[in-house]
Amino acid sequence: MRHSRIGLPDNTKMTAIALLQKALVDTLDLRLAVKQAHWTVKGSDFQQLHELFDSFVEPLDDEVDTIAERISILGGVPDGRAVTVGTGSKLEAYPLEGGAGKSHLEWLADRFAALGDHIREAIDQADDAGDADTADIFTGTSRFLDKSLWFIEAHLPAAEA
């Protein structure tokens, strides 16, 4: 860990860096899943879902950047390499095959919800470690994930959402 004059104990920084790294890997994986859905969605609702899925990419890029920069700020080295994402993500692997819009909506809803759960746990862990700023970053990410999940679930029949 690189020395920083940020007034947090080293163990707090190390805990936050570890939490942020996990979030970075999973958020990058979700971003790739969204692009996979964007590229492979089929069906009569293709255009609407193609655009919906793409609307999540830039905000996910912003979340990734914020998370990675916080790792650097705290003296860590963010690892967003493909090999790290491929071996380290806790999200279920996204199906390769294209499919009907409903399938992609369900697949993405599951992944947005799972990452949202992980991030909410990280909020509490960062707060317990004494890093309110990292907890705040996770809170913002949580809000984005919840809102995105709401958009996705709005396209699913109520009984299945």
Protein backbone atom coordinates (compact mmCIF):
# COMPACT_ATOMS: atom_id res chain seq x y z
CA MET A 1 0.00 0.00 0.00
CA ARG A 2 1.33 3.38 -1.01
CA HIS A 3 1.76 5.97 1.73
CA SER A 4 -0.97 8.59 1.86
CA ARG A 5 -1.55 11.49 4.20
CA ILE A 6 -5.25 10.70 4.35
CA GLY A 7 -6.05 10.58 8.05
CA LEU A 8 -7.27 7.01 8.26
CA PRO A 9 -5.46 4.17 10.03
CA ASP A 10 -3.69 1.74 7.70
CA ASN A 11 -5.98 -1.13 8.71
CA THR A 12 -9.01 1.00 7.77
CA LYS A 13 -7.47 1.79 4.40
CA MET A 14 -6.59 -1.87 3.76
CA THR A 15 -10.10 -2.98 4.65
CA ALA A 16 -11.63 -0.33 2.38
CA ILE A 17 -9.27 -1.18 -0.48
CA ALA A 18 -10.24 -4.87 -0.24
CA LEU A 19 -13.96 -4.01 -0.23
CA LEU A 20 -13.53 -1.61 -3.13
CA GLN A 21 -11.53 -4.16 -5.14
CA LYS A 22 -14.32 -6.74 -4.78
CA ALA A 23 -16.85 -4.13 -5.86
CA LEU A 24 -14.65 -3.10 -8.79
CA VAL A 25 -14.44 -6.65 -10.12
CA ASP A 26 -18.16 -7.33 -9.79
CA THR A 27 -19.16 -3.95 -11.25
CA LEU A 28 -16.89 -4.49 -14.25
CA ASP A 29 -18.44 -7.94 -14.71
CA LEU A 30 -21.94 -6.44 -14.59
CA ARG A 31 -20.94 -3.82 -17.14
CA LEU A 32 -19.74 -6.58 -19.48
CA ALA A 33 -22.98 -8.54 -18.92
CA VAL A 34 -25.01 -5.46 -19.88
CA LYS A 35 -23.00 -5.09 -23.10
CA GLN A 36 -23.47 -8.81 -23.83
CA ALA A 37 -27.24 -8.34 -23.46
CA HIS A 38 -27.10 -5.23 -25.65
CA TRP A 39 -25.30 -7.15 -28.40
CA THR A 40 -27.36 -10.35 -28.31
CA VAL A 41 -30.96 -9.41 -27.44
CA LYS A 42 -33.52 -10.69 -29.96
CA GLY A 43 -37.23 -10.33 -30.49
CA SER A 44 -39.94 -7.81 -31.18
CA ASP A 45 -38.75 -5.57 -28.34
CA PHE A 46 -35.18 -5.55 -29.66
CA GLN A 47 -34.88 -1.79 -30.25
CA GLN A 48 -36.32 -0.74 -26.89
CA LEU A 49 -34.20 -3.22 -24.90
CA HIS A 50 -31.08 -2.63 -27.01
CA GLU A 51 -31.32 1.06 -26.04
CA LEU A 52 -32.30 0.35 -22.43
CA PHE A 53 -29.31 -1.92 -21.90
CA ASP A 54 -26.97 0.60 -23.47
CA SER A 55 -28.33 3.31 -21.16
CA PHE A 56 -26.77 1.47 -18.20
CA VAL A 57 -23.24 1.38 -19.64
CA GLU A 58 -22.11 4.98 -19.08
CA PRO A 59 -23.40 5.11 -15.49
CA LEU A 60 -21.68 1.76 -14.81
CA ASP A 61 -18.47 3.21 -16.26
CA ASP A 62 -18.83 6.14 -13.86
CA GLU A 63 -19.31 3.78 -10.89
CA VAL A 64 -16.27 1.72 -11.95
CA ASP A 65 -14.17 4.86 -12.25
CA THR A 66 -15.25 6.18 -8.84
CA ILE A 67 -14.50 2.84 -7.17
CA ALA A 68 -11.11 2.45 -8.87
CA GLU A 69 -10.10 6.02 -8.06
CA ARG A 70 -10.99 5.51 -4.38
CA ILE A 71 -8.68 2.49 -4.32
CA SER A 72 -5.89 4.70 -5.69
CA ILE A 73 -6.72 7.54 -3.31
CA LEU A 74 -6.35 5.17 -0.35
CA GLY A 75 -2.95 4.00 -1.61
CA GLY A 76 -3.98 0.78 -3.37
CA VAL A 77 -3.69 -0.34 -6.96
CA PRO A 78 -7.03 -1.03 -8.65
CA ASP A 79 -7.04 -4.28 -10.61
CA GLY A 80 -9.56 -4.21 -13.41
CA ARG A 81 -7.73 -6.60 -15.71
CA ALA A 82 -9.84 -9.11 -17.65
CA VAL A 83 -8.15 -12.04 -15.91
CA THR A 84 -9.00 -10.57 -12.50
CA VAL A 85 -12.63 -9.97 -13.44
CA GLY A 86 -12.91 -13.42 -15.03
CA THR A 87 -11.56 -15.24 -12.01
CA GLY A 88 -12.71 -12.95 -9.22
CA SER A 89 -16.29 -11.95 -9.91
CA LYS A 90 -18.91 -13.26 -7.51
CA LEU A 91 -21.66 -12.74 -10.09
CA GLU A 92 -22.98 -15.70 -12.02
CA ALA A 93 -21.47 -15.91 -15.51
CA TYR A 94 -23.68 -14.28 -18.13
CA PRO A 95 -25.02 -16.64 -20.81
CA LEU A 96 -23.20 -16.41 -24.11
CA GLU A 97 -26.20 -17.16 -26.29
CA GLY A 98 -28.48 -14.40 -27.38
CA GLY A 99 -32.05 -14.68 -26.38
CA ALA A 100 -35.43 -13.10 -26.24
CA GLY A 101 -35.73 -9.85 -24.38
CA LYS A 102 -37.48 -11.44 -21.41
CA SER A 103 -34.53 -13.79 -20.83
CA HIS A 104 -32.04 -10.94 -20.87
CA LEU A 105 -34.24 -8.91 -18.52
CA GLU A 106 -34.34 -11.78 -16.04
CA TRP A 107 -30.61 -12.47 -16.35
CA LEU A 108 -29.74 -8.81 -15.81
CA ALA A 109 -32.26 -8.37 -12.99
CA ASP A 110 -30.61 -11.26 -11.14
CA ARG A 111 -27.17 -9.71 -11.54
CA PHE A 112 -28.16 -6.15 -10.64
CA ALA A 113 -29.90 -7.52 -7.52
CA ALA A 114 -26.92 -9.68 -6.53
CA LEU A 115 -24.46 -6.82 -6.91
CA GLY A 116 -26.83 -4.54 -5.01
CA ASP A 117 -26.82 -7.03 -2.13
CA HIS A 118 -23.00 -7.19 -2.15
CA ILE A 119 -22.73 -3.41 -2.20
CA ARG A 120 -25.16 -2.99 0.71
CA GLU A 121 -23.01 -5.37 2.75
CA ALA A 122 -19.94 -3.33 1.79
CA ILE A 123 -21.64 -0.12 3.00
CA ASP A 124 -21.88 -1.57 6.50
CA GLN A 125 -18.39 -3.07 6.40
CA ALA A 126 -16.79 0.21 5.27
CA ASP A 127 -18.71 2.08 7.94
CA ASP A 128 -17.67 -0.44 10.61
CA ALA A 129 -14.05 -0.06 9.47
CA GLY A 130 -14.27 3.71 9.98
CA ASP A 131 -14.26 4.87 6.35
CA ALA A 132 -17.39 6.96 5.88
CA ASP A 133 -16.24 8.20 2.47
CA THR A 134 -15.99 4.69 1.05
CA ALA A 135 -19.35 3.83 2.64
CA ASP A 136 -20.76 6.91 0.89
CA ILE A 137 -19.40 5.75 -2.48
CA PHE A 138 -21.05 2.38 -1.93
CA THR A 139 -24.30 4.12 -0.97
CA GLY A 140 -24.31 5.99 -4.28
CA THR A 141 -23.58 2.78 -6.15
CA SER A 142 -26.40 1.06 -4.29
CA ARG A 143 -28.86 3.79 -5.30
CA PHE A 144 -27.82 3.46 -8.96
CA LEU A 145 -28.14 -0.34 -8.89
CA ASP A 146 -31.55 -0.21 -7.21
CA LYS A 147 -32.87 2.33 -9.71
CA SER A 148 -31.52 0.31 -12.64
CA LEU A 149 -33.10 -2.84 -11.24
CA TRP A 150 -36.41 -0.99 -10.99
CA PHE A 151 -36.15 -0.04 -14.69
CA ILE A 152 -35.41 -3.64 -15.64
CA GLU A 153 -38.16 -5.12 -13.48
CA ALA A 154 -40.67 -2.64 -14.95
CA HIS A 155 -40.31 -4.59 -18.20
CA LEU A 156 -41.12 -7.93 -16.56
CA PRO A 157 -44.60 -9.16 -15.70
CA ALA A 158 -45.39 -8.30 -12.06
CA ALA A 159 -45.58 -11.95 -10.96
CA GLU A 160 -42.06 -12.62 -12.27
CA ALA A 161 -40.29 -9.49 -11.11
